[in-house]
């Protein structure tokens, strides 16, 4: 693919800040502050990167798609506060072991998995 200004800016931004779910709107606002691109260009680049398998896309219950880099060396899961929409990343070794055990019992060799927990954060 050609390295246009918007594509380059989106890739650089995701490399810096895209390790955990960010929306196209957030990316557009960050790039707008830098004077780069239009919302349509950002969405087009995100769709292309997703189609190439370079991004994960998570569709939220709020109807907003969020993206993060598809990096096998930076594996984590997400927990979403249903009240506020806040998304936090987490890792849990016991959960990873349980997932591997289930896959083994079902006769699968996993090549990836995603976990999204939803609930209301207790105060």
PDB file of N, CA and C in Angstrom:
ATOM      1  N   UNK A   1       0.830  -1.181   0.000  1.00  0.00           N
ATOM      2  CA  UNK A   1       0.000   0.000   0.000  1.00  0.00           C
ATOM      3  C   UNK A   1       0.878   1.249   0.000  1.00  0.00           C
ATOM      4  N   UNK A   2       0.349   2.278  -0.614  1.00  0.00           N
ATOM      5  CA  UNK A   2       1.065   3.551  -0.590  1.00  0.00           C
ATOM      6  C   UNK A   2       1.039   4.123   0.820  1.00  0.00           C
ATOM      7  N   UNK A   3       2.061   4.847   1.152  1.00  0.00           N
ATOM      8  CA  UNK A   3       2.164   5.456   2.481  1.00  0.00           C
ATOM      9  C   UNK A   3       1.720   6.908   2.412  1.00  0.00           C
ATOM     10  N   UNK A   4       0.395   7.115   2.295  1.00  0.00           N
ATOM     11  CA  UNK A   4      -0.132   8.472   2.274  1.00  0.00           C
ATOM     12  C   UNK A   4      -0.018   9.108   3.649  1.00  0.00           C
ATOM     13  N   UNK A   5      -0.273  10.411   3.704  1.00  0.00           N
ATOM     14  CA  UNK A   5      -0.113  11.156   4.956  1.00  0.00           C
ATOM     15  C   UNK A   5      -1.043  10.638   6.052  1.00  0.00           C
ATOM     16  N   UNK A   6      -2.307  10.379   5.699  1.00  0.00           N
ATOM     17  CA  UNK A   6      -3.253   9.916   6.716  1.00  0.00           C
ATOM     18  C   UNK A   6      -2.887   8.513   7.182  1.00  0.00           C
ATOM     19  N   UNK A   7      -2.595   7.622   6.230  1.00  0.00           N
ATOM     20  CA  UNK A   7      -2.222   6.246   6.594  1.00  0.00           C
ATOM     21  C   UNK A   7      -0.989   6.254   7.491  1.00  0.00           C
ATOM     22  N   UNK A   8       0.005   7.031   7.133  1.00  0.00           N
ATOM     23  CA  UNK A   8       1.219   7.113   7.943  1.00  0.00           C
ATOM     24  C   UNK A   8       0.905   7.645   9.337  1.00  0.00           C
ATOM     25  N   UNK A   9       0.089   8.688   9.407  1.00  0.00           N
ATOM     26  CA  UNK A   9      -0.261   9.284  10.706  1.00  0.00           C
ATOM     27  C   UNK A   9      -1.041   8.305  11.571  1.00  0.00           C
ATOM     28  N   UNK A  10      -1.990   7.561  10.990  1.00  0.00           N
ATOM     29  CA  UNK A  10      -2.775   6.576  11.751  1.00  0.00           C
ATOM     30  C   UNK A  10      -1.865   5.466  12.263  1.00  0.00           C
ATOM     31  N   UNK A  11      -1.005   4.949  11.404  1.00  0.00           N
ATOM     32  CA  UNK A  11      -0.099   3.865  11.820  1.00  0.00           C
ATOM     33  C   UNK A  11       0.834   4.345  12.926  1.00  0.00           C
ATOM     34  N   UNK A  12       1.396   5.535  12.774  1.00  0.00           N
ATOM     35  CA  UNK A  12       2.295   6.060  13.812  1.00  0.00           C
ATOM     36  C   UNK A  12       1.556   6.271  15.129  1.00  0.00           C
ATOM     37  N   UNK A  13       0.340   6.785  15.048  1.00  0.00           N
ATOM     38  CA  UNK A  13      -0.448   7.011  16.262  1.00  0.00           C
ATOM     39  C   UNK A  13      -0.778   5.686  16.943  1.00  0.00           C
ATOM     40  N   UNK A  14      -1.194   4.687  16.167  1.00  0.00           N
ATOM     41  CA  UNK A  14      -1.514   3.380  16.750  1.00  0.00           C
ATOM     42  C   UNK A  14      -0.270   2.708  17.327  1.00  0.00           C
ATOM     43  N   UNK A  15       0.860   2.880  16.674  1.00  0.00           N
ATOM     44  CA  UNK A  15       2.096   2.296  17.205  1.00  0.00           C
ATOM     45  C   UNK A  15       2.442   2.903  18.554  1.00  0.00           C
ATOM     46  N   UNK A  16       2.089   4.150  18.720  1.00  0.00           N
ATOM     47  CA  UNK A  16       2.388   4.848  19.976  1.00  0.00           C
ATOM     48  C   UNK A  16       1.301   4.636  21.023  1.00  0.00           C
ATOM     49  N   UNK A  17       0.014   4.735  20.611  1.00  0.00           N
ATOM     50  CA  UNK A  17      -1.096   4.752  21.565  1.00  0.00           C
ATOM     51  C   UNK A  17      -2.137   3.671  21.327  1.00  0.00           C
ATOM     52  N   UNK A  18      -1.911   2.745  20.417  1.00  0.00           N
ATOM     53  CA  UNK A  18      -2.956   1.793  20.036  1.00  0.00           C
ATOM     54  C   UNK A  18      -2.836   0.421  20.647  1.00  0.00           C
ATOM     55  N   UNK A  19      -2.208   0.331  21.802  1.00  0.00           N
ATOM     56  CA  UNK A  19      -2.083  -0.978  22.431  1.00  0.00           C
ATOM     57  C   UNK A  19      -3.357  -1.405  23.135  1.00  0.00           C
ATOM     58  N   UNK A  20      -4.257  -0.474  23.355  1.00  0.00           N
ATOM     59  CA  UNK A  20      -5.536  -0.820  23.950  1.00  0.00           C
ATOM     60  C   UNK A  20      -6.622   0.008  23.290  1.00  0.00           C
ATOM     61  N   UNK A  21      -7.742  -0.563  23.130  1.00  0.00           N
ATOM     62  CA  UNK A  21      -8.873  -0.062  22.361  1.00  0.00           C
ATOM     63  C   UNK A  21      -9.049   1.458  22.279  1.00  0.00           C
ATOM     64  N   UNK A  22      -8.983   1.962  21.052  1.00  0.00           N
ATOM     65  CA  UNK A  22      -9.241   3.373  20.769  1.00  0.00           C
ATOM     66  C   UNK A  22     -10.268   3.443  19.647  1.00  0.00           C
ATOM     67  N   UNK A  23     -11.131   4.425  19.711  1.00  0.00           N
ATOM     68  CA  UNK A  23     -12.172   4.564  18.691  1.00  0.00           C
ATOM     69  C   UNK A  23     -11.666   5.372  17.508  1.00  0.00           C
ATOM     70  N   UNK A  24     -12.360   5.226  16.396  1.00  0.00           N
ATOM     71  CA  UNK A  24     -12.030   6.024  15.208  1.00  0.00           C
ATOM     72  C   UNK A  24     -12.207   7.501  15.513  1.00  0.00           C
ATOM     73  N   UNK A  25     -13.203   7.837  16.326  1.00  0.00           N
ATOM     74  CA  UNK A  25     -13.430   9.233  16.690  1.00  0.00           C
ATOM     75  C   UNK A  25     -12.243   9.784  17.472  1.00  0.00           C
ATOM     76  N   UNK A  26     -11.712   8.998  18.410  1.00  0.00           N
ATOM     77  CA  UNK A  26     -10.541   9.448  19.169  1.00  0.00           C
ATOM     78  C   UNK A  26      -9.351   9.659  18.241  1.00  0.00           C
ATOM     79  N   UNK A  27      -9.151   8.724  17.324  1.00  0.00           N
ATOM     80  CA  UNK A  27      -8.039   8.840  16.379  1.00  0.00           C
ATOM     81  C   UNK A  27      -8.221  10.077  15.514  1.00  0.00           C
ATOM     82  N   UNK A  28      -9.445  10.303  15.038  1.00  0.00           N
ATOM     83  CA  UNK A  28      -9.733  11.473  14.211  1.00  0.00           C
ATOM     84  C   UNK A  28      -9.434  12.768  14.967  1.00  0.00           C
ATOM     85  N   UNK A  29      -9.846  12.817  16.241  1.00  0.00           N
ATOM     86  CA  UNK A  29      -9.595  14.024  17.042  1.00  0.00           C
ATOM     87  C   UNK A  29      -8.103  14.255  17.246  1.00  0.00           C
ATOM     88  N   UNK A  30      -7.350  13.189  17.513  1.00  0.00           N
ATOM     89  CA  UNK A  30      -5.902  13.332  17.702  1.00  0.00           C
ATOM     90  C   UNK A  30      -5.244  13.840  16.428  1.00  0.00           C
ATOM     91  N   UNK A  31      -5.660  13.276  15.285  1.00  0.00           N
ATOM     92  CA  UNK A  31      -5.056  13.682  14.019  1.00  0.00           C
ATOM     93  C   UNK A  31      -5.508  15.080  13.605  1.00  0.00           C
ATOM     94  N   UNK A  32      -6.748  15.435  13.925  1.00  0.00           N
ATOM     95  CA  UNK A  32      -7.253  16.782  13.619  1.00  0.00           C
ATOM     96  C   UNK A  32      -6.403  17.825  14.338  1.00  0.00           C
ATOM     97  N   UNK A  33      -6.042  17.527  15.596  1.00  0.00           N
ATOM     98  CA  UNK A  33      -5.195  18.452  16.360  1.00  0.00           C
ATOM     99  C   UNK A  33      -3.834  18.627  15.688  1.00  0.00           C
ATOM    100  N   UNK A  34      -3.395  17.579  14.960  1.00  0.00           N
ATOM    101  CA  UNK A  34      -2.122  17.657  14.246  1.00  0.00           C
ATOM    102  C   UNK A  34      -2.303  18.179  12.817  1.00  0.00           C
ATOM    103  N   UNK A  35      -3.565  18.448  12.441  1.00  0.00           N
ATOM    104  CA  UNK A  35      -3.823  18.973  11.104  1.00  0.00           C
ATOM    105  C   UNK A  35      -3.731  17.939  10.005  1.00  0.00           C
ATOM    106  N   UNK A  36      -4.042  16.672  10.341  1.00  0.00           N
ATOM    107  CA  UNK A  36      -3.906  15.588   9.356  1.00  0.00           C
ATOM    108  C   UNK A  36      -5.248  14.882   9.170  1.00  0.00           C
ATOM    109  N   UNK A  37      -5.671  14.743   7.920  1.00  0.00           N
ATOM    110  CA  UNK A  37      -6.761  13.860   7.561  1.00  0.00           C
ATOM    111  C   UNK A  37      -8.159  14.310   7.894  1.00  0.00           C
ATOM    112  N   UNK A  38      -9.101  13.540   7.342  1.00  0.00           N
ATOM    113  CA  UNK A  38     -10.527  13.747   7.557  1.00  0.00           C
ATOM    114  C   UNK A  38     -11.086  12.483   8.202  1.00  0.00           C
ATOM    115  N   UNK A  39     -12.266  12.580   8.809  1.00  0.00           N
ATOM    116  CA  UNK A  39     -12.865  11.374   9.399  1.00  0.00           C
ATOM    117  C   UNK A  39     -13.008  10.238   8.385  1.00  0.00           C
ATOM    118  N   UNK A  40     -13.442  10.548   7.163  1.00  0.00           N
ATOM    119  CA  UNK A  40     -13.610   9.504   6.147  1.00  0.00           C
ATOM    120  C   UNK A  40     -12.286   8.806   5.846  1.00  0.00           C
ATOM    121  N   UNK A  41     -11.208   9.576   5.771  1.00  0.00           N
ATOM    122  CA  UNK A  41      -9.884   8.990   5.519  1.00  0.00           C
ATOM    123  C   UNK A  41      -9.458   8.087   6.658  1.00  0.00           C
ATOM    124  N   UNK A  42      -9.714   8.502   7.907  1.00  0.00           N
ATOM    125  CA  UNK A  42      -9.335   7.696   9.072  1.00  0.00           C
ATOM    126  C   UNK A  42     -10.094   6.379   9.053  1.00  0.00           C
ATOM    127  N   UNK A  43     -11.418   6.435   8.825  1.00  0.00           N
ATOM    128  CA  UNK A  43     -12.216   5.205   8.783  1.00  0.00           C
ATOM    129  C   UNK A  43     -11.729   4.277   7.678  1.00  0.00           C
ATOM    130  N   UNK A  44     -11.405   4.843   6.527  1.00  0.00           N
ATOM    131  CA  UNK A  44     -10.925   4.035   5.400  1.00  0.00           C
ATOM    132  C   UNK A  44      -9.615   3.329   5.759  1.00  0.00           C
ATOM    133  N   UNK A  45      -8.691   4.042   6.387  1.00  0.00           N
ATOM    134  CA  UNK A  45      -7.410   3.453   6.790  1.00  0.00           C
ATOM    135  C   UNK A  45      -7.633   2.370   7.837  1.00  0.00           C
ATOM    136  N   UNK A  46      -8.490   2.629   8.819  1.00  0.00           N
ATOM    137  CA  UNK A  46      -8.767   1.617   9.855  1.00  0.00           C
ATOM    138  C   UNK A  46      -9.366   0.353   9.241  1.00  0.00           C
ATOM    139  N   UNK A  47     -10.296   0.519   8.304  1.00  0.00           N
ATOM    140  CA  UNK A  47     -10.885  -0.644   7.625  1.00  0.00           C
ATOM    141  C   UNK A  47      -9.828  -1.433   6.859  1.00  0.00           C
ATOM    142  N   UNK A  48      -8.913  -0.730   6.188  1.00  0.00           N
ATOM    143  CA  UNK A  48      -7.851  -1.408   5.439  1.00  0.00           C
ATOM    144  C   UNK A  48      -6.919  -2.173   6.381  1.00  0.00           C
ATOM    145  N   UNK A  49      -6.507  -1.544   7.479  1.00  0.00           N
ATOM    146  CA  UNK A  49      -5.607  -2.195   8.427  1.00  0.00           C
ATOM    147  C   UNK A  49      -6.277  -3.394   9.087  1.00  0.00           C
ATOM    148  N   UNK A  50      -7.573  -3.289   9.372  1.00  0.00           N
ATOM    149  CA  UNK A  50      -8.323  -4.410   9.934  1.00  0.00           C
ATOM    150  C   UNK A  50      -8.404  -5.553   8.923  1.00  0.00           C
ATOM    151  N   UNK A  51      -8.708  -5.234   7.667  1.00  0.00           N
ATOM    152  CA  UNK A  51      -8.801  -6.256   6.615  1.00  0.00           C
ATOM    153  C   UNK A  51      -7.476  -6.989   6.418  1.00  0.00           C
ATOM    154  N   UNK A  52      -6.379  -6.291   6.651  1.00  0.00           N
ATOM    155  CA  UNK A  52      -5.050  -6.906   6.519  1.00  0.00           C
ATOM    156  C   UNK A  52      -4.657  -7.722   7.759  1.00  0.00           C
ATOM    157  N   UNK A  53      -5.496  -7.704   8.794  1.00  0.00           N
ATOM    158  CA  UNK A  53      -5.195  -8.441  10.015  1.00  0.00           C
ATOM    159  C   UNK A  53      -4.230  -7.730  10.940  1.00  0.00           C
ATOM    160  N   UNK A  54      -3.995  -6.445  10.702  1.00  0.00           N
ATOM    161  CA  UNK A  54      -3.053  -5.686  11.514  1.00  0.00           C
ATOM    162  C   UNK A  54      -3.700  -5.049  12.745  1.00  0.00           C
ATOM    163  N   UNK A  55      -5.048  -5.006  12.747  1.00  0.00           N
ATOM    164  CA  UNK A  55      -5.785  -4.451  13.876  1.00  0.00           C
ATOM    165  C   UNK A  55      -6.855  -5.429  14.327  1.00  0.00           C
ATOM    166  N   UNK A  56      -7.149  -5.407  15.618  1.00  0.00           N
ATOM    167  CA  UNK A  56      -8.339  -6.060  16.156  1.00  0.00           C
ATOM    168  C   UNK A  56      -9.411  -4.982  16.238  1.00  0.00           C
ATOM    169  N   UNK A  57     -10.661  -5.389  16.012  1.00  0.00           N
ATOM    170  CA  UNK A  57     -11.780  -4.461  16.142  1.00  0.00           C
ATOM    171  C   UNK A  57     -12.773  -5.076  17.122  1.00  0.00           C
ATOM    172  N   UNK A  58     -13.183  -4.284  18.100  1.00  0.00           N
ATOM    173  CA  UNK A  58     -14.175  -4.724  19.078  1.00  0.00           C
ATOM    174  C   UNK A  58     -15.377  -3.801  18.956  1.00  0.00           C
ATOM    175  N   UNK A  59     -16.529  -4.393  18.696  1.00  0.00           N
ATOM    176  CA  UNK A  59     -17.767  -3.629  18.591  1.00  0.00           C
ATOM    177  C   UNK A  59     -18.369  -3.510  19.982  1.00  0.00           C
ATOM    178  N   UNK A  60     -18.490  -2.303  20.481  1.00  0.00           N
ATOM    179  CA  UNK A  60     -19.047  -2.083  21.807  1.00  0.00           C
ATOM    180  C   UNK A  60     -20.561  -2.086  21.792  1.00  0.00           C
ATOM    181  N   UNK A  61     -21.150  -2.308  22.938  1.00  0.00           N
ATOM    182  CA  UNK A  61     -22.609  -2.253  23.056  1.00  0.00           C
ATOM    183  C   UNK A  61     -23.131  -0.852  22.781  1.00  0.00           C
ATOM    184  N   UNK A  62     -22.224   0.121  22.862  1.00  0.00           N
ATOM    185  CA  UNK A  62     -22.606   1.502  22.577  1.00  0.00           C
ATOM    186  C   UNK A  62     -22.612   1.789  21.081  1.00  0.00           C
ATOM    187  N   UNK A  63     -22.339   0.761  20.266  1.00  0.00           N
ATOM    188  CA  UNK A  63     -22.337   0.922  18.824  1.00  0.00           C
ATOM    189  C   UNK A  63     -21.044   1.492  18.266  1.00  0.00           C
ATOM    190  N   UNK A  64     -20.051   1.681  19.121  1.00  0.00           N
ATOM    191  CA  UNK A  64     -18.774   2.253  18.689  1.00  0.00           C
ATOM    192  C   UNK A  64     -17.748   1.137  18.529  1.00  0.00           C
ATOM    193  N   UNK A  65     -17.105   1.105  17.375  1.00  0.00           N
ATOM    194  CA  UNK A  65     -16.024   0.153  17.135  1.00  0.00           C
ATOM    195  C   UNK A  65     -14.743   0.741  17.697  1.00  0.00           C
ATOM    196  N   UNK A  66     -13.977  -0.095  18.377  1.00  0.00           N
ATOM    197  CA  UNK A  66     -12.680   0.326  18.920  1.00  0.00           C
ATOM    198  C   UNK A  66     -11.609  -0.599  18.350  1.00  0.00           C
ATOM    199  N   UNK A  67     -10.427  -0.045  18.180  1.00  0.00           N
ATOM    200  CA  UNK A  67      -9.339  -0.762  17.514  1.00  0.00           C
ATOM    201  C   UNK A  67      -8.109  -0.813  18.397  1.00  0.00           C
ATOM    202  N   UNK A  68      -7.304  -1.861  18.165  1.00  0.00           N
ATOM    203  CA  UNK A  68      -5.983  -1.937  18.768  1.00  0.00           C
ATOM    204  C   UNK A  68      -5.096  -2.775  17.866  1.00  0.00           C
ATOM    205  N   UNK A  69      -3.824  -2.597  18.012  1.00  0.00           N
ATOM    206  CA  UNK A  69      -2.856  -3.323  17.202  1.00  0.00           C
ATOM    207  C   UNK A  69      -2.957  -4.817  17.481  1.00  0.00           C
ATOM    208  N   UNK A  70      -2.937  -5.611  16.434  1.00  0.00           N
ATOM    209  CA  UNK A  70      -2.964  -7.072  16.559  1.00  0.00           C
ATOM    210  C   UNK A  70      -1.536  -7.534  16.812  1.00  0.00           C
ATOM    211  N   UNK A  71      -1.124  -7.450  18.061  1.00  0.00           N
ATOM    212  CA  UNK A  71       0.253  -7.761  18.456  1.00  0.00           C
ATOM    213  C   UNK A  71       0.270  -9.011  19.319  1.00  0.00           C
ATOM    214  N   UNK A  72       0.766 -10.139  18.787  1.00  0.00           N
ATOM    215  CA  UNK A  72       0.750 -11.379  19.568  1.00  0.00           C
ATOM    216  C   UNK A  72       1.649 -11.328  20.804  1.00  0.00           C
ATOM    217  N   UNK A  73       2.535 -10.356  20.881  1.00  0.00           N
ATOM    218  CA  UNK A  73       3.437 -10.243  22.034  1.00  0.00           C
ATOM    219  C   UNK A  73       2.870  -9.327  23.115  1.00  0.00           C
ATOM    220  N   UNK A  74       1.721  -8.729  22.852  1.00  0.00           N
ATOM    221  CA  UNK A  74       1.102  -7.817  23.818  1.00  0.00           C
ATOM    222  C   UNK A  74      -0.344  -8.268  24.023  1.00  0.00           C
ATOM    223  N   UNK A  75      -0.502  -9.463  24.608  1.00  0.00           N
ATOM    224  CA  UNK A  75      -1.823 -10.069  24.771  1.00  0.00           C
ATOM    225  C   UNK A  75      -2.460  -9.620  26.075  1.00  0.00           C
ATOM    226  N   UNK A  76      -3.691  -9.183  25.990  1.00  0.00           N
ATOM    227  CA  UNK A  76      -4.445  -8.817  27.179  1.00  0.00           C
ATOM    228  C   UNK A  76      -5.935  -8.927  26.863  1.00  0.00           C
ATOM    229  N   UNK A  77      -6.747  -8.805  27.882  1.00  0.00           N
ATOM    230  CA  UNK A  77      -8.192  -8.853  27.732  1.00  0.00           C
ATOM    231  C   UNK A  77      -8.769  -7.513  28.180  1.00  0.00           C
ATOM    232  N   UNK A  78     -10.087  -7.392  28.100  1.00  0.00           N
ATOM    233  CA  UNK A  78     -10.718  -6.119  28.417  1.00  0.00           C
ATOM    234  C   UNK A  78     -11.889  -6.312  29.361  1.00  0.00           C
ATOM    235  N   UNK A  79     -12.092  -5.317  30.218  1.00  0.00           N
ATOM    236  CA  UNK A  79     -13.255  -5.271  31.082  1.00  0.00           C
ATOM    237  C   UNK A  79     -13.920  -3.918  30.866  1.00  0.00           C
ATOM    238  N   UNK A  80     -15.235  -3.960  30.622  1.00  0.00           N
ATOM    239  CA  UNK A  80     -15.982  -2.762  30.262  1.00  0.00           C
ATOM    240  C   UNK A  80     -16.967  -2.449  31.378  1.00  0.00           C
ATOM    241  N   UNK A  81     -16.925  -1.220  31.846  1.00  0.00           N
ATOM    242  CA  UNK A  81     -17.896  -0.766  32.833  1.00  0.00           C
ATOM    243  C   UNK A  81     -19.164  -0.386  32.074  1.00  0.00           C
ATOM    244  N   UNK A  82     -20.230  -1.142  32.290  1.00  0.00           N
ATOM    245  CA  UNK A  82     -21.483  -0.918  31.565  1.00  0.00           C
ATOM    246  C   UNK A  82     -22.116   0.430  31.875  1.00  0.00           C
ATOM    247  N   UNK A  83     -21.808   0.978  33.025  1.00  0.00           N
ATOM    248  CA  UNK A  83     -22.391   2.268  33.410  1.00  0.00           C
ATOM    249  C   UNK A  83     -21.692   3.420  32.693  1.00  0.00           C
ATOM    250  N   UNK A  84     -20.354   3.384  32.672  1.00  0.00           N
ATOM    251  CA  UNK A  84     -19.592   4.516  32.136  1.00  0.00           C
ATOM    252  C   UNK A  84     -19.037   4.286  30.735  1.00  0.00           C
ATOM    253  N   UNK A  85     -18.949   3.032  30.320  1.00  0.00           N
ATOM    254  CA  UNK A  85     -18.340   2.707  29.034  1.00  0.00           C
ATOM    255  C   UNK A  85     -16.826   2.639  29.090  1.00  0.00           C
ATOM    256  N   UNK A  86     -16.249   2.838  30.271  1.00  0.00           N
ATOM    257  CA  UNK A  86     -14.799   2.784  30.442  1.00  0.00           C
ATOM    258  C   UNK A  86     -14.288   1.384  30.111  1.00  0.00           C
ATOM    259  N   UNK A  87     -13.215   1.307  29.331  1.00  0.00           N
ATOM    260  CA  UNK A  87     -12.613   0.034  28.956  1.00  0.00           C
ATOM    261  C   UNK A  87     -11.231  -0.029  29.582  1.00  0.00           C
ATOM    262  N   UNK A  88     -10.971  -1.085  30.342  1.00  0.00           N
ATOM    263  CA  UNK A  88      -9.659  -1.293  30.944  1.00  0.00           C
ATOM    264  C   UNK A  88      -9.090  -2.623  30.471  1.00  0.00           C
ATOM    265  N   UNK A  89      -7.786  -2.655  30.304  1.00  0.00           N
ATOM    266  CA  UNK A  89      -7.089  -3.888  29.938  1.00  0.00           C
ATOM    267  C   UNK A  89      -6.692  -4.633  31.203  1.00  0.00           C
ATOM    268  N   UNK A  90      -6.633  -5.963  31.102  1.00  0.00           N
ATOM    269  CA  UNK A  90      -6.150  -6.761  32.219  1.00  0.00           C
ATOM    270  C   UNK A  90      -5.538  -8.050  31.698  1.00  0.00           C
ATOM    271  N   UNK A  91      -4.676  -8.631  32.490  1.00  0.00           N
ATOM    272  CA  UNK A  91      -4.133  -9.964  32.225  1.00  0.00           C
ATOM    273  C   UNK A  91      -4.386 -10.804  33.461  1.00  0.00           C
ATOM    274  N   UNK A  92      -4.509 -12.106  33.278  1.00  0.00           N
ATOM    275  CA  UNK A  92      -4.773 -13.001  34.394  1.00  0.00           C
ATOM    276  C   UNK A  92      -4.264 -14.393  34.022  1.00  0.00           C
ATOM    277  N   UNK A  93      -3.219 -14.828  34.703  1.00  0.00           N
ATOM    278  CA  UNK A  93      -2.610 -16.129  34.402  1.00  0.00           C
ATOM    279  C   UNK A  93      -3.577 -17.289  34.624  1.00  0.00           C
ATOM    280  N   UNK A  94      -4.417 -17.203  35.670  1.00  0.00           N
ATOM    281  CA  UNK A  94      -5.379 -18.276  35.935  1.00  0.00           C
ATOM    282  C   UNK A  94      -6.399 -18.382  34.798  1.00  0.00           C
ATOM    283  N   UNK A  95      -6.829 -17.242  34.264  1.00  0.00           N
ATOM    284  CA  UNK A  95      -7.755 -17.237  33.132  1.00  0.00           C
ATOM    285  C   UNK A  95      -7.091 -17.853  31.908  1.00  0.00           C
ATOM    286  N   UNK A  96      -5.845 -17.488  31.645  1.00  0.00           N
ATOM    287  CA  UNK A  96      -5.115 -18.060  30.505  1.00  0.00           C
ATOM    288  C   UNK A  96      -5.008 -19.576  30.630  1.00  0.00           C
ATOM    289  N   UNK A  97      -4.721 -20.055  31.832  1.00  0.00           N
ATOM    290  CA  UNK A  97      -4.611 -21.506  32.059  1.00  0.00           C
ATOM    291  C   UNK A  97      -5.965 -22.182  31.841  1.00  0.00           C
ATOM    292  N   UNK A  98      -7.049 -21.556  32.320  1.00  0.00           N
ATOM    293  CA  UNK A  98      -8.383 -22.131  32.140  1.00  0.00           C
ATOM    294  C   UNK A  98      -8.761 -22.189  30.660  1.00  0.00           C
ATOM    295  N   UNK A  99      -8.444 -21.143  29.914  1.00  0.00           N
ATOM    296  CA  UNK A  99      -8.746 -21.117  28.477  1.00  0.00           C
ATOM    297  C   UNK A  99      -7.970 -22.220  27.758  1.00  0.00           C
ATOM    298  N   UNK A 100      -6.691 -22.366  28.082  1.00  0.00           N
ATOM    299  CA  UNK A 100      -5.868 -23.412  27.466  1.00  0.00           C
ATOM    300  C   UNK A 100      -6.415 -24.796  27.806  1.00  0.00           C
ATOM    301  N   UNK A 101      -6.877 -24.973  29.038  1.00  0.00           N
ATOM    302  CA  UNK A 101      -7.435 -26.264  29.461  1.00  0.00           C
ATOM    303  C   UNK A 101      -8.718 -26.584  28.695  1.00  0.00           C
ATOM    304  N   UNK A 102      -9.597 -25.610  28.549  1.00  0.00           N
ATOM    305  CA  UNK A 102     -10.841 -25.821  27.801  1.00  0.00           C
ATOM    306  C   UNK A 102     -10.527 -26.179  26.353  1.00  0.00           C
ATOM    307  N   UNK A 103      -9.622 -25.462  25.737  1.00  0.00           N
ATOM    308  CA  UNK A 103      -9.251 -25.748  24.346  1.00  0.00           C
ATOM    309  C   UNK A 103      -8.707 -27.165  24.215  1.00  0.00           C
ATOM    310  N   UNK A 104      -7.850 -27.554  25.141  1.00  0.00           N
ATOM    311  CA  UNK A 104      -7.268 -28.898  25.120  1.00  0.00           C
ATOM    312  C   UNK A 104      -8.372 -29.960  25.236  1.00  0.00           C
ATOM    313  N   UNK A 105      -9.303 -29.757  26.181  1.00  0.00           N
ATOM    314  CA  UNK A 105     -10.399 -30.724  26.371  1.00  0.00           C
ATOM    315  C   UNK A 105     -11.307 -30.809  25.152  1.00  0.00           C
ATOM    316  N   UNK A 106     -11.441 -29.708  24.421  1.00  0.00           N
ATOM    317  CA  UNK A 106     -12.280 -29.697  23.227  1.00  0.00           C
ATOM    318  C   UNK A 106     -11.523 -30.126  21.975  1.00  0.00           C
ATOM    319  N   UNK A 107     -10.237 -30.416  22.129  1.00  0.00           N
ATOM    320  CA  UNK A 107      -9.436 -30.878  21.003  1.00  0.00           C
ATOM    321  C   UNK A 107      -8.982 -29.778  20.065  1.00  0.00           C
ATOM    322  N   UNK A 108      -8.774 -28.564  20.601  1.00  0.00           N
ATOM    323  CA  UNK A 108      -8.338 -27.438  19.787  1.00  0.00           C
ATOM    324  C   UNK A 108      -6.925 -27.009  20.165  1.00  0.00           C
ATOM    325  N   UNK A 109      -6.169 -26.608  19.157  1.00  0.00           N
ATOM    326  CA  UNK A 109      -4.898 -25.920  19.378  1.00  0.00           C
ATOM    327  C   UNK A 109      -5.193 -24.462  19.084  1.00  0.00           C
ATOM    328  N   UNK A 110      -5.198 -23.648  20.107  1.00  0.00           N
ATOM    329  CA  UNK A 110      -5.569 -22.242  19.950  1.00  0.00           C
ATOM    330  C   UNK A 110      -4.528 -21.466  19.164  1.00  0.00           C
ATOM    331  N   UNK A 111      -5.010 -20.566  18.316  1.00  0.00           N
ATOM    332  CA  UNK A 111      -4.105 -19.618  17.673  1.00  0.00           C
ATOM    333  C   UNK A 111      -4.468 -18.191  18.082  1.00  0.00           C
ATOM    334  N   UNK A 112      -5.402 -18.070  19.019  1.00  0.00           N
ATOM    335  CA  UNK A 112      -5.764 -16.768  19.562  1.00  0.00           C
ATOM    336  C   UNK A 112      -7.064 -16.849  20.320  1.00  0.00           C
ATOM    337  N   UNK A 113      -7.328 -15.855  21.125  1.00  0.00           N
ATOM    338  CA  UNK A 113      -8.601 -15.746  21.835  1.00  0.00           C
ATOM    339  C   UNK A 113      -8.757 -14.327  22.360  1.00  0.00           C
ATOM    340  N   UNK A 114     -10.001 -13.959  22.591  1.00  0.00           N
ATOM    341  CA  UNK A 114     -10.323 -12.636  23.127  1.00  0.00           C
ATOM    342  C   UNK A 114     -11.320 -12.824  24.261  1.00  0.00           C
ATOM    343  N   UNK A 115     -11.162 -12.050  25.306  1.00  0.00           N
ATOM    344  CA  UNK A 115     -12.108 -12.058  26.416  1.00  0.00           C
ATOM    345  C   UNK A 115     -12.503 -10.615  26.695  1.00  0.00           C
ATOM    346  N   UNK A 116     -13.809 -10.376  26.728  1.00  0.00           N
ATOM    347  CA  UNK A 116     -14.326  -9.069  27.118  1.00  0.00           C
ATOM    348  C   UNK A 116     -15.331  -9.316  28.232  1.00  0.00           C
ATOM    349  N   UNK A 117     -15.042  -8.780  29.396  1.00  0.00           N
ATOM    350  CA  UNK A 117     -15.952  -8.877  30.528  1.00  0.00           C
ATOM    351  C   UNK A 117     -16.717  -7.572  30.627  1.00  0.00           C
ATOM    352  N   UNK A 118     -18.002  -7.663  30.943  1.00  0.00           N
ATOM    353  CA  UNK A 118     -18.830  -6.465  31.074  1.00  0.00           C
ATOM    354  C   UNK A 118     -19.514  -6.497  32.442  1.00  0.00           C
ATOM    355  N   UNK A 119     -19.631  -5.365  33.048  1.00  0.00           N
ATOM    356  CA  UNK A 119     -20.306  -5.269  34.328  1.00  0.00           C
ATOM    357  C   UNK A 119     -20.247  -3.848  34.837  1.00  0.00           C
ATOM    358  N   UNK A 120     -20.695  -3.681  36.063  1.00  0.00           N
ATOM    359  CA  UNK A 120     -20.679  -2.367  36.695  1.00  0.00           C
ATOM    360  C   UNK A 120     -19.663  -2.383  37.819  1.00  0.00           C
ATOM    361  N   UNK A 121     -18.711  -1.481  37.728  1.00  0.00           N
ATOM    362  CA  UNK A 121     -17.665  -1.419  38.731  1.00  0.00           C
ATOM    363  C   UNK A 121     -18.245  -1.054  40.086  1.00  0.00           C
ATOM    364  N   UNK A 122     -17.910  -1.872  41.073  1.00  0.00           N
ATOM    365  CA  UNK A 122     -18.371  -1.605  42.430  1.00  0.00           C
ATOM    366  C   UNK A 122     -17.506  -0.526  43.032  1.00  0.00           C
ATOM    367  N   UNK A 123     -18.117   0.318  43.755  1.00  0.00           N
ATOM    368  CA  UNK A 123     -17.376   1.451  44.321  1.00  0.00           C
ATOM    369  C   UNK A 123     -16.787   1.118  45.648  1.00  0.00           C
TER     370      UNK A 123
END
